[in-house]
Protein backbone atom coordinates (compact mmCIF):
# COMPACT_ATOMS: atom_id res chain seq x y z
CA UNK A 1 -17.49 33.80 -46.64
CA UNK A 2 -17.91 35.69 -43.38
CA UNK A 3 -17.28 39.38 -42.97
CA UNK A 4 -18.16 42.37 -40.85
CA UNK A 5 -17.44 43.16 -37.23
CA UNK A 6 -20.95 42.23 -36.14
CA UNK A 7 -20.46 38.51 -36.66
CA UNK A 8 -18.47 37.42 -33.61
CA UNK A 9 -18.98 35.04 -30.69
CA UNK A 10 -22.12 32.89 -30.82
CA UNK A 11 -23.40 34.77 -33.86
CA UNK A 12 -20.33 33.73 -35.86
CA UNK A 13 -20.62 30.08 -34.86
CA UNK A 14 -24.32 29.86 -35.71
CA UNK A 15 -23.83 31.70 -39.00
CA UNK A 16 -21.42 29.02 -40.20
CA UNK A 17 -24.00 26.31 -39.61
CA UNK A 18 -26.74 28.35 -41.26
CA UNK A 19 -24.63 29.09 -44.33
CA UNK A 20 -23.81 25.39 -44.65
CA UNK A 21 -27.53 24.64 -44.41
CA UNK A 22 -28.42 27.23 -47.05
CA UNK A 23 -25.80 25.95 -49.48
CA UNK A 24 -26.95 22.35 -48.94
CA UNK A 25 -30.68 23.01 -49.38
CA UNK A 26 -30.74 25.67 -52.11
CA UNK A 27 -29.04 26.11 -55.47
CA UNK A 28 -27.79 29.60 -54.65
CA UNK A 29 -24.55 31.03 -53.28
CA UNK A 30 -25.06 32.71 -49.91
CA UNK A 31 -22.60 35.24 -48.48
CA UNK A 32 -22.58 36.92 -45.09
CA UNK A 33 -20.58 40.13 -45.15
CA UNK A 34 -20.52 43.91 -44.81
CA UNK A 35 -21.37 44.67 -48.46
CA UNK A 36 -24.46 44.09 -50.60
CA UNK A 37 -24.16 41.37 -53.24
CA UNK A 38 -27.16 40.31 -55.32
CA UNK A 39 -30.38 39.92 -53.34
CA UNK A 40 -29.76 41.14 -49.79
CA UNK A 41 -31.36 40.42 -46.42
CA UNK A 42 -30.09 42.88 -43.78
CA UNK A 43 -28.87 41.57 -40.40
CA UNK A 44 -29.77 44.38 -38.03
CA UNK A 45 -27.57 45.32 -35.10
CA UNK A 46 -29.05 46.25 -31.68
CA UNK A 47 -29.43 49.85 -32.87
CA UNK A 48 -31.57 48.75 -35.81
CA UNK A 49 -28.85 49.45 -38.38
CA UNK A 50 -27.73 47.00 -41.06
CA UNK A 51 -23.97 46.60 -40.89
CA UNK A 52 -24.01 43.00 -42.14
CA UNK A 53 -25.94 41.52 -45.03
CA UNK A 54 -26.99 38.00 -45.96
CA UNK A 55 -26.67 38.08 -49.75
CA UNK A 56 -27.85 35.61 -52.38
CA UNK A 57 -26.46 34.97 -55.83
CA UNK A 58 -28.55 32.47 -57.76
CA UNK A 59 -29.88 31.72 -61.20
CA UNK A 60 -33.56 32.31 -61.86
CA UNK A 61 -36.23 33.52 -59.47
CA UNK A 62 -34.82 34.76 -56.14
CA UNK A 63 -38.28 35.32 -54.70
CA UNK A 64 -38.67 31.65 -53.80
CA UNK A 65 -35.84 32.07 -51.29
CA UNK A 66 -37.08 35.32 -49.77
CA UNK A 67 -38.85 33.72 -46.80
CA UNK A 68 -35.84 31.66 -45.75
CA UNK A 69 -33.44 34.60 -46.26
CA UNK A 70 -35.56 36.87 -44.09
CA UNK A 71 -35.82 34.19 -41.38
CA UNK A 72 -32.07 33.50 -41.28
CA UNK A 73 -31.19 37.21 -41.18
CA UNK A 74 -33.67 37.76 -38.35
CA UNK A 75 -32.23 34.82 -36.37
CA UNK A 76 -28.70 36.19 -36.67
CA UNK A 77 -29.90 39.65 -35.63
CA UNK A 78 -31.58 38.18 -32.54
CA UNK A 79 -28.40 36.36 -31.53
CA UNK A 80 -26.36 39.54 -32.01
CA UNK A 81 -28.80 41.50 -29.88
CA UNK A 82 -28.61 38.91 -27.09
CA UNK A 83 -24.81 39.02 -27.13
CA UNK A 84 -24.83 42.81 -26.95
CA UNK A 85 -27.06 42.72 -23.86
CA UNK A 86 -24.86 40.19 -22.07
CA UNK A 87 -22.54 41.91 -19.58
CA UNK A 88 -19.45 40.13 -20.87
CA UNK A 89 -16.19 41.80 -19.82
CA UNK A 90 -14.42 39.99 -22.65
CA UNK A 91 -16.53 39.05 -25.67
CA UNK A 92 -14.20 40.55 -28.26
CA UNK A 93 -10.69 39.15 -28.68
CA UNK A 94 -9.31 42.57 -29.59
CA UNK A 95 -10.02 43.79 -26.05
CA UNK A 96 -7.17 41.68 -24.69
CA UNK A 97 -4.04 43.76 -24.09
CA UNK A 98 -0.82 43.24 -26.00
CA UNK A 99 1.62 41.02 -24.15
CA UNK A 100 4.50 43.22 -25.24
CA UNK A 101 3.06 46.11 -23.21
CA UNK A 102 5.12 46.46 -20.05
CA UNK A 103 7.86 44.08 -21.25
CA UNK A 104 10.41 46.62 -22.36
CA UNK A 105 13.54 44.97 -23.72
CA UNK A 106 11.87 41.70 -24.62
CA UNK A 107 8.75 39.87 -25.65
CA UNK A 108 6.73 36.85 -24.60
CA UNK A 109 7.32 33.82 -26.84
CA UNK A 110 6.03 30.26 -26.83
CA UNK A 111 8.22 27.23 -26.16
CA UNK A 112 6.94 23.67 -26.31
CA UNK A 113 7.70 20.50 -24.37
CA UNK A 114 6.48 17.04 -25.40
CA UNK A 115 4.31 14.83 -23.21
CA UNK A 116 5.04 11.15 -23.84
CA UNK A 117 3.70 7.68 -23.10
CA UNK A 118 6.21 6.40 -20.54
CA UNK A 119 6.15 2.82 -21.80
CA UNK A 120 6.89 3.58 -25.45
CA UNK A 121 8.32 7.09 -25.58
CA UNK A 122 5.63 8.04 -28.11
CA UNK A 123 4.73 11.72 -28.10
CA UNK A 124 1.03 12.12 -27.32
CA UNK A 125 0.87 15.89 -26.77
CA UNK A 126 2.82 19.12 -26.53
CA UNK A 127 2.54 21.69 -23.77
CA UNK A 128 2.79 25.38 -24.64
CA UNK A 129 5.05 27.22 -22.18
CA UNK A 130 5.59 30.98 -21.87
CA UNK A 131 9.12 32.38 -22.05
CA UNK A 132 10.48 35.93 -22.02
CA UNK A 133 12.88 36.55 -24.87
CA UNK A 134 15.38 39.31 -24.06
CA UNK A 135 18.72 40.45 -25.51
CA UNK A 136 20.36 38.61 -22.59
CA UNK A 137 18.62 35.31 -23.32
CA UNK A 138 15.33 33.48 -22.91
CA UNK A 139 14.03 33.67 -19.35
CA UNK A 140 11.67 31.23 -17.55
CA UNK A 141 8.29 32.18 -16.06
CA UNK A 142 9.82 32.89 -12.66
CA UNK A 143 11.39 36.01 -14.19
CA UNK A 144 8.11 37.58 -15.31
CA UNK A 145 4.98 35.65 -14.30
CA UNK A 146 4.29 37.89 -11.30
CA UNK A 147 3.47 40.68 -13.74
CA UNK A 148 0.44 38.69 -14.88
CA UNK A 149 -1.53 39.64 -11.82
CA UNK A 150 -4.96 40.55 -13.17
CA UNK A 151 -7.62 38.69 -15.09
CA UNK A 152 -7.16 40.54 -18.37
CA UNK A 153 -3.41 39.86 -18.49
CA UNK A 154 -3.90 36.21 -17.51
CA UNK A 155 -6.40 35.79 -20.34
CA UNK A 156 -4.09 37.59 -22.77
CA UNK A 157 -1.27 35.19 -21.90
CA UNK A 158 -3.60 32.20 -22.24
CA UNK A 159 -4.82 33.40 -25.64
CA UNK A 160 -1.26 33.98 -26.84
CA UNK A 161 -0.24 30.46 -25.83
CA UNK A 162 -3.46 29.02 -27.27
CA UNK A 163 -2.91 30.68 -30.62
CA UNK A 164 0.68 29.41 -30.79
CA UNK A 165 -0.30 25.86 -29.83
CA UNK A 166 -3.12 25.62 -32.35
CA UNK A 167 -0.87 27.06 -35.04
CA UNK A 168 1.66 24.30 -34.34
CA UNK A 169 -1.03 21.61 -34.57
CA UNK A 170 -2.29 23.09 -37.85
CA UNK A 171 1.22 23.29 -39.32
CA UNK A 172 1.99 19.64 -38.53
CA UNK A 173 -1.44 18.06 -38.89
CA UNK A 174 -0.42 16.26 -42.10
CA UNK A 175 2.42 14.44 -40.30
CA UNK A 176 0.97 14.10 -36.79
CA UNK A 177 -2.84 14.10 -37.10
CA UNK A 178 -3.36 12.66 -33.60
CA UNK A 179 -1.13 15.16 -31.77
CA UNK A 180 -2.84 17.29 -29.13
CA UNK A 181 -1.79 20.43 -27.26
CA UNK A 182 -2.00 21.60 -23.65
CA UNK A 183 -2.24 25.27 -22.67
CA UNK A 184 -2.10 26.72 -19.14
CA UNK A 185 -4.76 28.97 -17.66
CA UNK A 186 -4.85 30.45 -14.18
CA UNK A 187 -8.00 29.59 -12.26
CA UNK A 188 -7.88 33.15 -10.92
CA UNK A 189 -8.04 34.37 -14.53
CA UNK A 190 -11.27 32.64 -15.52
CA UNK A 191 -13.89 35.29 -16.37
CA UNK A 192 -17.61 35.09 -15.76
CA UNK A 193 -18.27 35.49 -19.49
CA UNK A 194 -16.29 35.08 -22.68
CA UNK A 195 -13.87 32.20 -22.11
CA UNK A 196 -15.90 29.63 -24.04
CA UNK A 197 -16.37 32.08 -26.92
CA UNK A 198 -12.64 32.80 -27.01
CA UNK A 199 -11.72 29.11 -27.12
CA UNK A 200 -14.38 28.35 -29.71
CA UNK A 201 -13.24 31.20 -31.95
CA UNK A 202 -9.62 30.04 -31.85
CA UNK A 203 -10.59 26.43 -32.60
CA UNK A 204 -12.63 27.61 -35.59
CA UNK A 205 -9.83 29.87 -36.77
CA UNK A 206 -7.34 26.99 -36.98
CA UNK A 207 -9.79 24.24 -37.87
CA UNK A 208 -8.83 22.26 -34.77
CA UNK A 209 -10.91 19.47 -33.25
CA UNK A 210 -11.79 20.48 -29.65
CA UNK A 211 -10.67 17.04 -28.45
CA UNK A 212 -7.13 17.96 -29.55
CA UNK A 213 -6.95 20.69 -26.90
CA UNK A 214 -6.29 20.36 -23.17
CA UNK A 215 -6.47 23.32 -20.80
CA UNK A 216 -4.34 22.93 -17.67
CA UNK A 217 -5.88 24.86 -14.78
CA UNK A 218 -3.26 26.33 -12.45
CA UNK A 219 -3.53 27.62 -8.89
CA UNK A 220 -0.61 30.06 -8.74
CA UNK A 221 -2.85 32.66 -7.10
CA UNK A 222 -5.71 32.28 -4.67
CA UNK A 223 -9.04 32.14 -6.44
CA UNK A 224 -12.74 32.04 -5.74
CA UNK A 225 -14.74 31.16 -8.82
CA UNK A 226 -18.27 32.50 -9.08
CA UNK A 227 -21.10 30.36 -10.42
CA UNK A 228 -20.94 32.04 -13.88
CA UNK A 229 -17.17 31.38 -14.06
CA UNK A 230 -17.70 27.72 -13.23
CA UNK A 231 -20.38 27.63 -15.92
CA UNK A 232 -17.80 28.96 -18.41
CA UNK A 233 -15.60 25.96 -17.62
CA UNK A 234 -18.57 23.65 -18.14
CA UNK A 235 -19.20 25.27 -21.54
CA UNK A 236 -15.57 24.79 -22.53
CA UNK A 237 -15.66 21.13 -21.50
CA UNK A 238 -18.97 20.59 -23.33
CA UNK A 239 -17.18 21.40 -26.60
CA UNK A 240 -14.93 18.38 -26.08
CA UNK A 241 -11.94 20.29 -24.69
CA UNK A 242 -10.21 18.36 -21.88
CA UNK A 243 -9.59 20.06 -18.54
CA UNK A 244 -6.59 19.15 -16.40
CA UNK A 245 -5.48 20.27 -12.92
CA UNK A 246 -1.89 21.15 -12.14
CA UNK A 247 -1.29 19.09 -8.97
CA UNK A 248 -2.87 15.68 -8.56
CA UNK A 249 -2.44 15.67 -4.79
CA UNK A 250 -4.47 18.89 -4.51
CA UNK A 251 -6.82 18.06 -7.38
CA UNK A 252 -9.35 16.21 -5.28
CA UNK A 253 -10.01 19.33 -3.21
CA UNK A 254 -10.14 21.49 -6.35
CA UNK A 255 -12.69 19.17 -7.94
CA UNK A 256 -15.02 19.84 -5.03
CA UNK A 257 -14.76 23.56 -5.80
CA UNK A 258 -15.64 22.98 -9.47
CA UNK A 259 -19.05 21.30 -9.25
CA UNK A 260 -20.20 19.76 -12.49
CA UNK A 261 -16.91 20.48 -14.28
CA UNK A 262 -15.44 17.27 -15.76
CA UNK A 263 -11.74 16.92 -14.96
CA UNK A 264 -9.90 14.55 -17.30
CA UNK A 265 -6.39 14.67 -15.86
CA UNK A 266 -3.89 16.11 -13.43
CA UNK A 267 -0.15 16.67 -13.11
CA UNK A 268 2.09 14.84 -10.64
CA UNK A 269 4.40 17.60 -9.42
CA UNK A 270 8.14 17.19 -9.87
CA UNK A 271 8.63 17.17 -6.09
CA UNK A 272 7.04 13.71 -6.01
CA UNK A 273 9.06 12.52 -9.01
CA UNK A 274 12.27 13.62 -7.24
CA UNK A 275 11.33 11.44 -4.25
CA UNK A 276 10.98 8.24 -6.25
CA UNK A 277 14.44 7.05 -5.26
CA UNK A 278 14.23 8.25 -1.63
CA UNK A 279 12.73 5.05 -0.21
CA UNK A 280 9.73 2.75 0.07
CA UNK A 281 7.61 5.22 2.06
CA UNK A 282 7.82 7.87 -0.65
CA UNK A 283 6.91 5.33 -3.32
CA UNK A 284 3.92 4.22 -1.24
CA UNK A 285 2.71 7.85 -1.03
CA UNK A 286 2.99 8.24 -4.78
CA UNK A 287 1.27 4.90 -5.42
CA UNK A 288 -1.63 5.96 -3.18
CA UNK A 289 -2.02 9.24 -5.09
CA UNK A 290 -1.99 7.46 -8.45
CA UNK A 291 -4.48 4.82 -7.29
CA UNK A 292 -6.87 7.48 -6.05
CA UNK A 293 -6.58 9.34 -9.34
CA UNK A 294 -7.24 6.16 -11.31
CA UNK A 295 -10.33 5.45 -9.21
CA UNK A 296 -11.59 8.97 -10.04
CA UNK A 297 -10.96 8.42 -13.76
CA UNK A 298 -8.16 10.99 -13.87
CA UNK A 299 -5.14 10.46 -16.13
CA UNK A 300 -1.88 11.55 -14.49
CA UNK A 301 1.08 13.20 -16.22
CA UNK A 302 4.33 13.20 -14.25
CA UNK A 303 6.39 16.39 -14.46
CA UNK A 304 10.17 16.68 -14.23
CA UNK A 305 11.11 13.18 -15.37
CA UNK A 306 14.89 13.37 -15.72
CA UNK A 307 16.19 9.80 -15.41
CA UNK A 308 15.32 6.40 -16.82
CA UNK A 309 14.98 5.07 -13.25
CA UNK A 310 12.26 7.65 -12.50
CA UNK A 311 10.50 6.76 -15.74
CA UNK A 312 10.55 3.02 -15.04
CA UNK A 313 9.32 3.40 -11.45
CA UNK A 314 6.52 5.76 -12.44
CA UNK A 315 5.25 3.25 -14.96
CA UNK A 316 5.38 0.41 -12.43
CA UNK A 317 3.42 2.56 -9.97
CA UNK A 318 0.68 3.11 -12.54
CA UNK A 319 1.59 6.46 -14.13
CA UNK A 320 1.37 6.24 -17.92
CA UNK A 321 2.40 9.72 -19.11
CA UNK A 322 5.25 12.10 -18.38
CA UNK A 323 7.35 15.02 -19.49
CA UNK A 324 10.81 16.20 -18.59
CA UNK A 325 14.43 16.54 -19.63
CA UNK A 326 14.75 12.78 -20.12
CA UNK A 327 12.65 13.21 -23.25
CA UNK A 328 13.15 16.81 -24.38
CA UNK A 329 13.76 20.29 -23.01
CA UNK A 330 11.27 23.11 -23.68
CA UNK A 331 12.12 24.59 -27.06
CA UNK A 332 10.80 26.73 -29.92
CA UNK A 333 8.44 25.28 -32.49
CA UNK A 334 11.17 25.33 -35.15
CA UNK A 335 13.35 22.79 -33.34
CA UNK A 336 10.51 20.79 -31.78
CA UNK A 337 9.27 19.66 -35.20
CA UNK A 338 12.49 17.70 -35.76
CA UNK A 339 12.42 16.22 -32.25
CA UNK A 340 8.94 14.78 -32.73
CA UNK A 341 9.94 12.61 -35.67
CA UNK A 342 10.63 9.54 -33.47
CA UNK A 343 10.05 8.19 -29.94
CA UNK A 344 11.87 10.29 -27.36
CA UNK A 345 13.98 7.68 -25.59
CA UNK A 346 16.70 5.65 -27.23
CA UNK A 347 16.40 2.71 -24.89
CA UNK A 348 12.89 1.67 -25.98
């Protein structure tokens, strides 16, 4: 059991491992929380006050565990003190603003669209997409995305989509254990501190394997990432989370601006998909892009696939994944669950 406001970020992650260790190596029950239970070892905050306690309930002599209890409590206190000294602009999730603020007459909701294997129609992932639900209908991002024009709001939107996507995976894990989710994040919204902690906390909250999450990095606004922001991306990737860029043709330049950040995939913009039937030259351009991506070890997902002809040509050109109206429209989680029951193309 974890409790108390002092156990967040790195301190919370480490405490889980330490509690597992204590339960595995002793015959006592260890609890980390804001109240005293049994024999207590205080976890001091940076002001020297004990707001969290490592407590032990065990049969017999508790003294034999005193040394290890003191050591674990001191380690957690040291981690908490280090986090408090770090100048993180966002190391507490509750600091993110509410997405409903400033959206009078509506609210931001999450729709989902499947990503499929083009050859089989099998759903391999879902992408979480923001929509504005109003009394007049559900509006696309073009109606509201310009309001997300600062880092805090961009992160709030990302966290909202992340929470919804991980909730969907958790709800349907028993039927689709291999399903993964993609969530969009503006490159201009990446903070110097806190992103990795946010992602880690959400993964822990929903019990999701990091490899089941993909973060799609978008370039809607101009950005200039500092070295600490790039390091945040490296930390996220080191967990096992996949990073994807939103436009494969521009991805090669973006990769140069993200030194040491592993990029697993990229999107082929719908403007290229629309040109598939225009002529041989256009197909040659697309083939060249796909071949360069393959040489760089980047998986490509084609956006805006609307016809079977587009699907077939993309596969022949070497693109293995896609999404679009041919397979399914973006929709709420309630209707998506039924759509995912079978491959998303009747002709396969």
